[in-house]
Amino acid sequence: MYNNPVAPMAGLTAGGMGSGTLAATGAGDLFWFALAAFAMLALGLAIKRIVPVRAQQN
């Protein structure tokens, strides 16, 4: 890493692609939106499991 002359150029290239660029893969903002959507879905399902369900009265 420290002796690699290409590393500074890779940092400049990734920096120019946008603030949401994933460093190692080059994935853009779409990756982060998909990750956020998955996290929100998982959070919603976890809360749904934790909150007790009221019994229906007939």
N, C-alpha and C. Protein backbone atom coordinates (compact mmCIF):
# COMPACT_ATOMS: atom_id res chain seq x y z
N MET A 1 0.82 -1.18 0.00
CA MET A 1 0.00 0.00 0.00
C MET A 1 0.87 1.25 0.00
N TYR A 2 1.87 1.32 0.87
CA TYR A 2 2.67 2.51 0.97
C TYR A 2 3.70 2.61 -0.15
N ASN A 3 4.12 1.48 -0.71
CA ASN A 3 5.11 1.50 -1.78
C ASN A 3 4.48 1.42 -3.16
N ASN A 4 3.16 1.48 -3.25
CA ASN A 4 2.47 1.36 -4.52
C ASN A 4 2.32 2.76 -5.14
N PRO A 5 2.97 3.03 -6.29
CA PRO A 5 2.87 4.36 -6.89
C PRO A 5 1.50 4.65 -7.50
N VAL A 6 0.66 3.64 -7.68
CA VAL A 6 -0.65 3.85 -8.30
C VAL A 6 -1.68 4.30 -7.27
N ALA A 7 -1.44 4.06 -5.98
CA ALA A 7 -2.41 4.36 -4.94
C ALA A 7 -2.84 5.83 -4.89
N PRO A 8 -1.93 6.81 -4.99
CA PRO A 8 -2.40 8.21 -4.97
C PRO A 8 -3.29 8.55 -6.15
N MET A 9 -3.02 7.97 -7.31
CA MET A 9 -3.84 8.23 -8.49
C MET A 9 -5.23 7.62 -8.33
N ALA A 10 -5.33 6.47 -7.69
CA ALA A 10 -6.63 5.84 -7.45
C ALA A 10 -7.47 6.69 -6.53
N GLY A 11 -6.85 7.32 -5.54
CA GLY A 11 -7.58 8.20 -4.63
C GLY A 11 -8.11 9.42 -5.35
N LEU A 12 -7.35 9.97 -6.25
CA LEU A 12 -7.82 11.13 -7.01
C LEU A 12 -8.95 10.76 -7.95
N THR A 13 -8.86 9.60 -8.55
CA THR A 13 -9.91 9.15 -9.46
C THR A 13 -11.20 8.90 -8.71
N ALA A 14 -11.13 8.22 -7.57
CA ALA A 14 -12.33 7.94 -6.78
C ALA A 14 -12.93 9.21 -6.21
N GLY A 15 -12.08 10.18 -5.87
CA GLY A 15 -12.57 11.43 -5.32
C GLY A 15 -13.35 12.24 -6.33
N GLY A 16 -13.01 12.09 -7.60
CA GLY A 16 -13.71 12.84 -8.64
C GLY A 16 -15.04 12.25 -9.05
N MET A 17 -15.34 11.04 -8.57
CA MET A 17 -16.56 10.36 -8.99
C MET A 17 -17.78 10.74 -8.15
N GLY A 18 -17.59 11.48 -7.10
CA GLY A 18 -18.72 11.86 -6.26
C GLY A 18 -18.47 11.49 -4.82
N SER A 19 -19.20 12.10 -3.94
CA SER A 19 -18.95 11.89 -2.52
C SER A 19 -19.44 10.52 -2.05
N GLY A 20 -20.36 9.90 -2.77
CA GLY A 20 -20.90 8.62 -2.35
C GLY A 20 -20.18 7.43 -2.91
N THR A 21 -19.01 7.64 -3.48
CA THR A 21 -18.29 6.55 -4.13
C THR A 21 -17.68 5.61 -3.10
N LEU A 22 -17.94 4.33 -3.25
CA LEU A 22 -17.34 3.33 -2.39
C LEU A 22 -15.88 3.15 -2.81
N ALA A 23 -14.96 3.25 -1.89
CA ALA A 23 -13.54 3.37 -2.21
C ALA A 23 -13.00 2.20 -3.03
N ALA A 24 -13.23 0.98 -2.61
CA ALA A 24 -12.57 -0.15 -3.25
C ALA A 24 -13.28 -0.60 -4.53
N THR A 25 -14.60 -0.45 -4.60
CA THR A 25 -15.33 -1.02 -5.72
C THR A 25 -15.72 0.00 -6.78
N GLY A 26 -15.80 1.26 -6.43
CA GLY A 26 -16.24 2.27 -7.39
C GLY A 26 -17.75 2.33 -7.51
N ALA A 27 -18.49 1.65 -6.64
CA ALA A 27 -19.95 1.70 -6.69
C ALA A 27 -20.41 3.10 -6.28
N GLY A 28 -21.42 3.60 -6.95
CA GLY A 28 -21.86 4.97 -6.73
C GLY A 28 -22.98 5.09 -5.72
N ASP A 29 -23.74 6.17 -5.86
CA ASP A 29 -24.81 6.49 -4.91
C ASP A 29 -25.94 5.47 -4.92
N LEU A 30 -26.18 4.81 -6.04
CA LEU A 30 -27.24 3.81 -6.12
C LEU A 30 -27.01 2.68 -5.13
N PHE A 31 -25.76 2.30 -4.95
CA PHE A 31 -25.42 1.27 -3.97
C PHE A 31 -25.86 1.69 -2.57
N TRP A 32 -25.60 2.94 -2.20
CA TRP A 32 -25.93 3.41 -0.86
C TRP A 32 -27.44 3.52 -0.67
N PHE A 33 -28.18 3.92 -1.71
CA PHE A 33 -29.64 3.96 -1.61
C PHE A 33 -30.22 2.56 -1.44
N ALA A 34 -29.68 1.59 -2.17
CA ALA A 34 -30.14 0.20 -2.02
C ALA A 34 -29.81 -0.33 -0.63
N LEU A 35 -28.63 0.00 -0.13
CA LEU A 35 -28.25 -0.44 1.21
C LEU A 35 -29.14 0.19 2.27
N ALA A 36 -29.47 1.47 2.10
CA ALA A 36 -30.36 2.14 3.05
C ALA A 36 -31.76 1.55 3.00
N ALA A 37 -32.26 1.24 1.80
CA ALA A 37 -33.58 0.63 1.67
C ALA A 37 -33.62 -0.73 2.36
N PHE A 38 -32.59 -1.52 2.18
CA PHE A 38 -32.52 -2.82 2.84
C PHE A 38 -32.49 -2.67 4.35
N ALA A 39 -31.71 -1.71 4.85
CA ALA A 39 -31.62 -1.49 6.29
C ALA A 39 -32.96 -1.05 6.87
N MET A 40 -33.67 -0.17 6.16
CA MET A 40 -34.98 0.29 6.65
C MET A 40 -35.99 -0.85 6.65
N LEU A 41 -35.95 -1.70 5.63
CA LEU A 41 -36.84 -2.85 5.58
C LEU A 41 -36.55 -3.81 6.74
N ALA A 42 -35.27 -4.07 6.98
CA ALA A 42 -34.89 -4.96 8.09
C ALA A 42 -35.30 -4.37 9.43
N LEU A 43 -35.15 -3.06 9.59
CA LEU A 43 -35.55 -2.41 10.83
C LEU A 43 -37.06 -2.51 11.03
N GLY A 44 -37.82 -2.27 9.98
CA GLY A 44 -39.27 -2.37 10.08
C GLY A 44 -39.73 -3.78 10.44
N LEU A 45 -39.13 -4.78 9.83
CA LEU A 45 -39.50 -6.16 10.14
C LEU A 45 -39.10 -6.54 11.56
N ALA A 46 -37.96 -6.02 12.03
CA ALA A 46 -37.54 -6.32 13.40
C ALA A 46 -38.50 -5.68 14.41
N ILE A 47 -38.90 -4.45 14.15
CA ILE A 47 -39.86 -3.79 15.05
C ILE A 47 -41.20 -4.51 15.04
N LYS A 48 -41.60 -4.98 13.86
CA LYS A 48 -42.87 -5.71 13.76
C LYS A 48 -42.83 -6.99 14.59
N ARG A 49 -41.67 -7.64 14.67
CA ARG A 49 -41.54 -8.85 15.48
C ARG A 49 -41.56 -8.55 16.97
N ILE A 50 -40.96 -7.42 17.35
CA ILE A 50 -40.83 -7.10 18.77
C ILE A 50 -42.13 -6.61 19.37
N VAL A 51 -42.87 -5.76 18.66
CA VAL A 51 -44.09 -5.17 19.19
C VAL A 51 -45.17 -6.25 19.29
N PRO A 52 -45.78 -6.40 20.44
CA PRO A 52 -46.80 -7.45 20.60
C PRO A 52 -48.05 -7.12 19.77
N VAL A 53 -48.68 -8.19 19.30
CA VAL A 53 -49.89 -8.05 18.48
C VAL A 53 -51.10 -8.12 19.39
N ARG A 54 -52.04 -7.20 19.20
CA ARG A 54 -53.26 -7.23 20.02
C ARG A 54 -54.18 -8.33 19.52
N ALA A 55 -54.77 -9.03 20.44
CA ALA A 55 -55.70 -10.11 20.08
C ALA A 55 -57.02 -9.49 19.59
N GLN A 56 -57.58 -10.05 18.54
CA GLN A 56 -58.84 -9.55 18.01
C GLN A 56 -60.00 -10.04 18.88
N GLN A 57 -60.94 -9.16 19.12
CA GLN A 57 -62.12 -9.51 19.92
C GLN A 57 -63.29 -9.78 18.97
N ASN A 58 -63.90 -10.94 19.13
CA ASN A 58 -65.04 -11.30 18.27
C ASN A 58 -66.34 -11.11 18.99
